Amino acid sequence: MSEAWCPGSDSSAYAATLNDAWDALEAMDVVVQARKAGAVIEDGRIVLDTLGRRCAIDPWTRSVTVDDREIEVLEAVVVLHYLARAGDVRPRGHLISYRQLPGGGLYYPTFRSRVISVIEEMDRNDPGMLLRAGQCLGGENREFGSASITIPIFPLLPVTIILWRGDDEIPGSANVLFDESASCFLPTEDLAAVGTMLVTRLMEAGRTSMEMRMNAL
């Protein structure tokens, strides 16, 4: 993949990448890969938890679905890459920034504008919403900064959001950190796409949480 991980890109541009990802996975023992990735096999399909949803990967039909609906092509590519790259590595508990990933400095300005800055704006507009939304995605609160949460993108790929609340003089800020093992599961460009996937799901979960709170009034 390339700069096309950005939101709004033409999904047809990923057709060849998606086919290559299927070819790579089908050349492997999918049962073994599912186990290594923290997934399970159900009714001949790989079932993988991702951002609070159960994703079904069917090598026979070459489909990646959530609730029986095909997911976006770019997200499907990321799912397949994660499955194919899974090995014996486990999260190590040491956090690093996107900039510290292999080649991450090249993509960091875009990652910051399309992921970190969006998260900062979300927190300014509704403090507390990010934590509520993150918990809906299976996240666990942490004790970094003013508030923080670790959210499992996939079973073995956690991402940690840290928020620092500002005041009248200093604006608030945020960061998105990866476990140092992240590059064992996905290339750096895919991890940029993971950031946009996370932001999208946080927005969806935030809207759902707000609607539930309003309905409860």
C-alpha atoms as a PDB file:
ATOM      1  CA  MET A   1       0.000   0.000   0.000  1.00  0.00           C
ATOM      2  CA  SER A   2       1.000   3.647  -0.221  1.00  0.00           C
ATOM      3  CA  GLU A   3      -0.357   7.084   0.595  1.00  0.00           C
ATOM      4  CA  ALA A   4      -3.720   5.703  -0.557  1.00  0.00           C
ATOM      5  CA  TRP A   5      -4.465   4.563   2.989  1.00  0.00           C
ATOM      6  CA  CYS A   6      -6.069   7.938   3.486  1.00  0.00           C
ATOM      7  CA  PRO A   7      -9.851   8.112   3.954  1.00  0.00           C
ATOM      8  CA  GLY A   8     -11.881   8.663   0.823  1.00  0.00           C
ATOM      9  CA  SER A   9      -9.523   6.890  -1.541  1.00  0.00           C
ATOM     10  CA  ASP A  10     -10.978   4.847  -4.379  1.00  0.00           C
ATOM     11  CA  SER A  11     -11.303   1.302  -3.025  1.00  0.00           C
ATOM     12  CA  SER A  12     -10.845  -0.119  -6.530  1.00  0.00           C
ATOM     13  CA  ALA A  13      -7.195   0.921  -6.253  1.00  0.00           C
ATOM     14  CA  TYR A  14      -6.729  -1.851  -3.698  1.00  0.00           C
ATOM     15  CA  ALA A  15      -8.121  -4.697  -5.823  1.00  0.00           C
ATOM     16  CA  ALA A  16      -4.688  -6.078  -6.744  1.00  0.00           C
ATOM     17  CA  THR A  17      -3.424  -5.663  -3.177  1.00  0.00           C
ATOM     18  CA  LEU A  18      -6.459  -7.523  -1.866  1.00  0.00           C
ATOM     19  CA  ASN A  19      -5.959 -10.383  -4.329  1.00  0.00           C
ATOM     20  CA  ASP A  20      -2.294 -10.615  -3.362  1.00  0.00           C
ATOM     21  CA  ALA A  21      -3.267 -10.740   0.303  1.00  0.00           C
ATOM     22  CA  TRP A  22      -5.709 -13.602  -0.354  1.00  0.00           C
ATOM     23  CA  ASP A  23      -3.078 -15.467  -2.361  1.00  0.00           C
ATOM     24  CA  ALA A  24      -0.557 -15.122   0.475  1.00  0.00           C
ATOM     25  CA  LEU A  25      -3.001 -16.326   3.128  1.00  0.00           C
ATOM     26  CA  GLU A  26      -4.266 -19.262   1.054  1.00  0.00           C
ATOM     27  CA  ALA A  27      -0.689 -20.479   0.574  1.00  0.00           C
ATOM     28  CA  MET A  28      -0.466 -20.935   4.346  1.00  0.00           C
ATOM     29  CA  ASP A  29      -2.127 -23.265   6.835  1.00  0.00           C
ATOM     30  CA  VAL A  30      -5.079 -21.038   7.721  1.00  0.00           C
ATOM     31  CA  VAL A  31      -5.900 -23.017  10.874  1.00  0.00           C
ATOM     32  CA  VAL A  32      -2.394 -22.459  12.198  1.00  0.00           C
ATOM     33  CA  GLN A  33      -2.460 -18.792  11.234  1.00  0.00           C
ATOM     34  CA  ALA A  34      -5.827 -18.301  12.914  1.00  0.00           C
ATOM     35  CA  ARG A  35      -4.454 -19.731  16.143  1.00  0.00           C
ATOM     36  CA  LYS A  36      -1.325 -17.586  15.981  1.00  0.00           C
ATOM     37  CA  ALA A  37      -3.431 -14.472  15.345  1.00  0.00           C
ATOM     38  CA  GLY A  38      -5.754 -15.088  18.279  1.00  0.00           C
ATOM     39  CA  ALA A  39      -8.671 -16.010  16.021  1.00  0.00           C
ATOM     40  CA  VAL A  40     -10.857 -19.131  15.947  1.00  0.00           C
ATOM     41  CA  ILE A  41     -12.351 -21.348  13.243  1.00  0.00           C
ATOM     42  CA  GLU A  42     -16.139 -21.508  13.120  1.00  0.00           C
ATOM     43  CA  ASP A  43     -18.095 -23.235  10.339  1.00  0.00           C
ATOM     44  CA  GLY A  44     -15.067 -23.221   8.071  1.00  0.00           C
ATOM     45  CA  ARG A  45     -14.446 -19.495   8.515  1.00  0.00           C
ATOM     46  CA  ILE A  46     -11.829 -17.608  10.502  1.00  0.00           C
ATOM     47  CA  VAL A  47     -13.491 -15.442  13.145  1.00  0.00           C
ATOM     48  CA  LEU A  48     -11.380 -12.559  14.388  1.00  0.00           C
ATOM     49  CA  ASP A  49     -12.262  -9.908  16.965  1.00  0.00           C
ATOM     50  CA  THR A  50     -11.528  -6.428  15.672  1.00  0.00           C
ATOM     51  CA  LEU A  51     -12.476  -3.133  17.299  1.00  0.00           C
ATOM     52  CA  GLY A  52     -15.467  -4.480  19.184  1.00  0.00           C
ATOM     53  CA  ARG A  53     -16.794  -6.585  16.295  1.00  0.00           C
ATOM     54  CA  ARG A  54     -16.503 -10.182  15.154  1.00  0.00           C
ATOM     55  CA  CYS A  55     -15.029 -10.311  11.667  1.00  0.00           C
ATOM     56  CA  ALA A  56     -15.561 -13.445   9.538  1.00  0.00           C
ATOM     57  CA  ILE A  57     -12.902 -14.326   6.968  1.00  0.00           C
ATOM     58  CA  ASP A  58     -13.955 -16.957   4.425  1.00  0.00           C
ATOM     59  CA  PRO A  59     -11.092 -18.229   2.220  1.00  0.00           C
ATOM     60  CA  TRP A  60     -13.534 -20.218   0.077  1.00  0.00           C
ATOM     61  CA  THR A  61     -15.524 -17.178  -1.043  1.00  0.00           C
ATOM     62  CA  ARG A  62     -12.697 -14.693  -0.456  1.00  0.00           C
ATOM     63  CA  SER A  63     -14.941 -12.530   1.684  1.00  0.00           C
ATOM     64  CA  VAL A  64     -14.343 -10.536   4.859  1.00  0.00           C
ATOM     65  CA  THR A  65     -17.593  -9.638   6.593  1.00  0.00           C
ATOM     66  CA  VAL A  66     -19.013  -8.142   9.772  1.00  0.00           C
ATOM     67  CA  ASP A  67     -22.657  -8.995  10.467  1.00  0.00           C
ATOM     68  CA  ASP A  68     -22.771 -10.663   7.031  1.00  0.00           C
ATOM     69  CA  ARG A  69     -21.797  -7.431   5.276  1.00  0.00           C
ATOM     70  CA  GLU A  70     -18.558  -6.960   3.356  1.00  0.00           C
ATOM     71  CA  ILE A  71     -16.187  -4.528   5.042  1.00  0.00           C
ATOM     72  CA  GLU A  72     -14.242  -1.821   3.218  1.00  0.00           C
ATOM     73  CA  VAL A  73     -11.552  -3.136   0.893  1.00  0.00           C
ATOM     74  CA  LEU A  74      -8.711  -1.368   2.706  1.00  0.00           C
ATOM     75  CA  GLU A  75      -9.829  -2.769   6.053  1.00  0.00           C
ATOM     76  CA  ALA A  76     -10.050  -6.248   4.510  1.00  0.00           C
ATOM     77  CA  VAL A  77      -6.458  -5.893   3.284  1.00  0.00           C
ATOM     78  CA  VAL A  78      -5.313  -4.995   6.804  1.00  0.00           C
ATOM     79  CA  VAL A  79      -7.206  -7.967   8.289  1.00  0.00           C
ATOM     80  CA  LEU A  80      -5.621 -10.395   5.812  1.00  0.00           C
ATOM     81  CA  HIS A  81      -2.137  -8.960   6.322  1.00  0.00           C
ATOM     82  CA  TYR A  82      -2.522  -9.340  10.090  1.00  0.00           C
ATOM     83  CA  LEU A  83      -3.545 -12.984   9.731  1.00  0.00           C
ATOM     84  CA  ALA A  84      -0.726 -13.796   7.300  1.00  0.00           C
ATOM     85  CA  ARG A  85       1.983 -12.123   9.382  1.00  0.00           C
ATOM     86  CA  ALA A  86       0.954 -13.558  12.760  1.00  0.00           C
ATOM     87  CA  GLY A  87       3.665 -15.672  14.346  1.00  0.00           C
ATOM     88  CA  ASP A  88       4.908 -16.466  17.820  1.00  0.00           C
ATOM     89  CA  VAL A  89       5.402 -12.819  18.857  1.00  0.00           C
ATOM     90  CA  ARG A  90       3.219 -11.409  21.602  1.00  0.00           C
ATOM     91  CA  PRO A  91       2.754  -7.800  22.777  1.00  0.00           C
ATOM     92  CA  ARG A  92       5.717  -6.727  24.909  1.00  0.00           C
ATOM     93  CA  GLY A  93       4.141  -3.901  26.888  1.00  0.00           C
ATOM     94  CA  HIS A  94       6.586  -1.233  25.691  1.00  0.00           C
ATOM     95  CA  LEU A  95       4.860   1.634  23.891  1.00  0.00           C
ATOM     96  CA  ILE A  96       6.252   3.544  20.916  1.00  0.00           C
ATOM     97  CA  SER A  97       4.939   6.355  18.736  1.00  0.00           C
ATOM     98  CA  TYR A  98       4.091   5.999  15.060  1.00  0.00           C
ATOM     99  CA  ARG A  99       7.218   7.999  14.301  1.00  0.00           C
ATOM    100  CA  GLN A 100       9.317   5.235  15.900  1.00  0.00           C
ATOM    101  CA  LEU A 101       7.977   2.522  13.614  1.00  0.00           C
ATOM    102  CA  PRO A 102      10.218   1.472  10.698  1.00  0.00           C
ATOM    103  CA  GLY A 103       9.920   4.309   8.185  1.00  0.00           C
ATOM    104  CA  GLY A 104       7.299   5.957  10.378  1.00  0.00           C
ATOM    105  CA  GLY A 105       8.883   9.375  10.109  1.00  0.00           C
ATOM    106  CA  LEU A 106       7.934   9.497   6.434  1.00  0.00           C
ATOM    107  CA  TYR A 107       4.218   9.063   7.129  1.00  0.00           C
ATOM    108  CA  TYR A 108       4.052  10.728  10.550  1.00  0.00           C
ATOM    109  CA  PRO A 109       2.825  14.180   9.398  1.00  0.00           C
ATOM    110  CA  THR A 110      -0.117  12.552   7.631  1.00  0.00           C
ATOM    111  CA  PHE A 111      -0.753  10.195  10.552  1.00  0.00           C
ATOM    112  CA  ARG A 112      -0.782  13.146  12.908  1.00  0.00           C
ATOM    113  CA  SER A 113      -3.223  15.187  10.812  1.00  0.00           C
ATOM    114  CA  ARG A 114      -5.612  12.330  10.035  1.00  0.00           C
ATOM    115  CA  VAL A 115      -5.511  10.430  13.313  1.00  0.00           C
ATOM    116  CA  ILE A 116      -3.996  12.273  16.269  1.00  0.00           C
ATOM    117  CA  SER A 117      -5.430  15.705  15.430  1.00  0.00           C
ATOM    118  CA  VAL A 118      -8.891  14.207  14.913  1.00  0.00           C
ATOM    119  CA  ILE A 119      -8.705  12.520  18.319  1.00  0.00           C
ATOM    120  CA  GLU A 120      -7.651  15.827  19.905  1.00  0.00           C
ATOM    121  CA  GLU A 121     -10.653  17.556  18.354  1.00  0.00           C
ATOM    122  CA  MET A 122     -13.008  14.789  19.467  1.00  0.00           C
ATOM    123  CA  ASP A 123     -11.793  15.167  23.054  1.00  0.00           C
ATOM    124  CA  ARG A 124     -12.111  18.973  22.971  1.00  0.00           C
ATOM    125  CA  ASN A 125     -15.671  18.743  21.688  1.00  0.00           C
ATOM    126  CA  ASP A 126     -16.808  16.139  24.218  1.00  0.00           C
ATOM    127  CA  PRO A 127     -14.380  15.344  27.065  1.00  0.00           C
ATOM    128  CA  GLY A 128     -14.960  11.822  28.278  1.00  0.00           C
ATOM    129  CA  MET A 129     -16.513  10.607  25.035  1.00  0.00           C
ATOM    130  CA  LEU A 130     -13.326   8.955  23.816  1.00  0.00           C
ATOM    131  CA  LEU A 131     -13.038   6.819  26.917  1.00  0.00           C
ATOM    132  CA  ARG A 132     -16.682   5.794  26.715  1.00  0.00           C
ATOM    133  CA  ALA A 133     -16.354   4.986  23.035  1.00  0.00           C
ATOM    134  CA  GLY A 134     -13.092   3.117  23.586  1.00  0.00           C
ATOM    135  CA  GLN A 135     -14.672   0.970  26.269  1.00  0.00           C
ATOM    136  CA  CYS A 136     -17.394   0.008  23.789  1.00  0.00           C
ATOM    137  CA  LEU A 137     -14.599  -1.287  21.557  1.00  0.00           C
ATOM    138  CA  GLY A 138     -13.173  -3.487  24.296  1.00  0.00           C
ATOM    139  CA  GLY A 139     -10.705  -0.912  25.609  1.00  0.00           C
ATOM    140  CA  GLU A 140      -9.272  -0.738  29.113  1.00  0.00           C
ATOM    141  CA  ASN A 141      -8.520   2.526  30.892  1.00  0.00           C
ATOM    142  CA  ARG A 142      -4.877   3.240  31.688  1.00  0.00           C
ATOM    143  CA  GLU A 143      -3.119   5.690  33.994  1.00  0.00           C
ATOM    144  CA  PHE A 144      -1.118   7.738  31.488  1.00  0.00           C
ATOM    145  CA  GLY A 145      -1.598  11.499  31.031  1.00  0.00           C
ATOM    146  CA  SER A 146      -4.916  13.068  32.030  1.00  0.00           C
ATOM    147  CA  ALA A 147      -6.776  10.065  30.632  1.00  0.00           C
ATOM    148  CA  SER A 148      -5.816   7.085  28.526  1.00  0.00           C
ATOM    149  CA  ILE A 149      -7.143   3.838  27.155  1.00  0.00           C
ATOM    150  CA  THR A 150      -5.717   0.783  25.399  1.00  0.00           C
ATOM    151  CA  ILE A 151      -7.918  -0.620  22.634  1.00  0.00           C
ATOM    152  CA  PRO A 152      -7.332  -3.978  20.900  1.00  0.00           C
ATOM    153  CA  ILE A 153      -7.382  -3.445  17.141  1.00  0.00           C
ATOM    154  CA  PHE A 154      -6.884  -7.212  16.816  1.00  0.00           C
ATOM    155  CA  PRO A 155      -6.279  -9.711  19.643  1.00  0.00           C
ATOM    156  CA  LEU A 156      -2.502  -9.188  19.535  1.00  0.00           C
ATOM    157  CA  LEU A 157      -2.360  -5.600  18.239  1.00  0.00           C
ATOM    158  CA  PRO A 158      -3.266  -3.067  20.950  1.00  0.00           C
ATOM    159  CA  VAL A 159      -3.203   0.705  20.469  1.00  0.00           C
ATOM    160  CA  THR A 160      -3.038   3.171  23.358  1.00  0.00           C
ATOM    161  CA  ILE A 161      -4.549   6.655  23.239  1.00  0.00           C
ATOM    162  CA  ILE A 162      -3.201   9.177  25.747  1.00  0.00           C
ATOM    163  CA  LEU A 163      -4.928  12.517  26.380  1.00  0.00           C
ATOM    164  CA  TRP A 164      -3.480  15.557  28.091  1.00  0.00           C
ATOM    165  CA  ARG A 165      -6.146  18.077  29.036  1.00  0.00           C
ATOM    166  CA  GLY A 166      -5.309  21.721  28.473  1.00  0.00           C
ATOM    167  CA  ASP A 167      -6.312  24.941  30.188  1.00  0.00           C
ATOM    168  CA  ASP A 168      -6.811  28.585  29.254  1.00  0.00           C
ATOM    169  CA  GLU A 169      -3.149  28.942  28.325  1.00  0.00           C
ATOM    170  CA  ILE A 170      -2.076  25.534  27.055  1.00  0.00           C
ATOM    171  CA  PRO A 171      -4.223  23.553  24.582  1.00  0.00           C
ATOM    172  CA  GLY A 172      -4.875  19.892  25.185  1.00  0.00           C
ATOM    173  CA  SER A 173      -3.056  17.258  23.186  1.00  0.00           C
ATOM    174  CA  ALA A 174      -3.108  13.556  22.443  1.00  0.00           C
ATOM    175  CA  ASN A 175      -0.933  10.752  21.191  1.00  0.00           C
ATOM    176  CA  VAL A 176      -1.565   7.321  19.716  1.00  0.00           C
ATOM    177  CA  LEU A 177       0.988   4.704  20.694  1.00  0.00           C
ATOM    178  CA  PHE A 178       1.656   1.170  19.480  1.00  0.00           C
ATOM    179  CA  ASP A 179       3.197  -1.772  21.244  1.00  0.00           C
ATOM    180  CA  GLU A 180       6.774  -2.172  20.028  1.00  0.00           C
ATOM    181  CA  SER A 181       5.773  -5.553  18.554  1.00  0.00           C
ATOM    182  CA  ALA A 182       3.304  -3.903  16.132  1.00  0.00           C
ATOM    183  CA  SER A 183       5.665  -4.137  13.160  1.00  0.00           C
ATOM    184  CA  CYS A 184       5.751  -7.906  13.547  1.00  0.00           C
ATOM    185  CA  PHE A 185       2.040  -7.970  12.682  1.00  0.00           C
ATOM    186  CA  LEU A 186       1.649  -5.214  10.093  1.00  0.00           C
ATOM    187  CA  PRO A 187       3.862  -3.011   7.930  1.00  0.00           C
ATOM    188  CA  THR A 188       4.049   0.657   8.847  1.00  0.00           C
ATOM    189  CA  GLU A 189       1.699   1.754   6.069  1.00  0.00           C
ATOM    190  CA  ASP A 190      -0.941  -0.684   7.278  1.00  0.00           C
ATOM    191  CA  LEU A 191      -0.539   0.685  10.799  1.00  0.00           C
ATOM    192  CA  ALA A 192      -1.405   4.116   9.403  1.00  0.00           C
ATOM    193  CA  ALA A 193      -4.618   2.586   8.060  1.00  0.00           C
ATOM    194  CA  VAL A 194      -5.191   1.088  11.514  1.00  0.00           C
ATOM    195  CA  GLY A 195      -5.226   4.646  12.845  1.00  0.00           C
ATOM    196  CA  THR A 196      -7.999   5.696  10.469  1.00  0.00           C
ATOM    197  CA  MET A 197      -9.932   2.508  11.261  1.00  0.00           C
ATOM    198  CA  LEU A 198      -9.661   3.340  14.968  1.00  0.00           C
ATOM    199  CA  VAL A 199     -10.862   6.922  14.501  1.00  0.00           C
ATOM    200  CA  THR A 200     -13.821   5.759  12.411  1.00  0.00           C
ATOM    201  CA  ARG A 201     -14.884   3.169  14.975  1.00  0.00           C
ATOM    202  CA  LEU A 202     -14.468   5.639  17.861  1.00  0.00           C
ATOM    203  CA  MET A 203     -16.754   8.091  16.079  1.00  0.00           C
ATOM    204  CA  GLU A 204     -19.352   5.375  15.474  1.00  0.00           C
ATOM    205  CA  ALA A 205     -19.167   4.129  19.064  1.00  0.00           C
ATOM    206  CA  GLY A 206     -19.300   7.705  20.358  1.00  0.00           C
ATOM    207  CA  ARG A 207     -22.495   8.420  18.423  1.00  0.00           C
ATOM    208  CA  THR A 208     -24.052   5.184  19.671  1.00  0.00           C
ATOM    209  CA  SER A 209     -23.080   5.985  23.260  1.00  0.00           C
ATOM    210  CA  MET A 210     -24.554   9.477  22.990  1.00  0.00           C
ATOM    211  CA  GLU A 211     -27.813   8.168  21.539  1.00  0.00           C
ATOM    212  CA  MET A 212     -28.121   5.655  24.371  1.00  0.00           C
ATOM    213  CA  ARG A 213     -27.543   8.401  26.952  1.00  0.00           C
ATOM    214  CA  MET A 214     -30.139  10.660  25.314  1.00  0.00           C
ATOM    215  CA  ASN A 215     -32.679   7.851  25.162  1.00  0.00           C
ATOM    216  CA  ALA A 216     -32.130   7.156  28.850  1.00  0.00           C
ATOM    217  CA  LEU A 217     -33.123  10.728  29.814  1.00  0.00           C
END
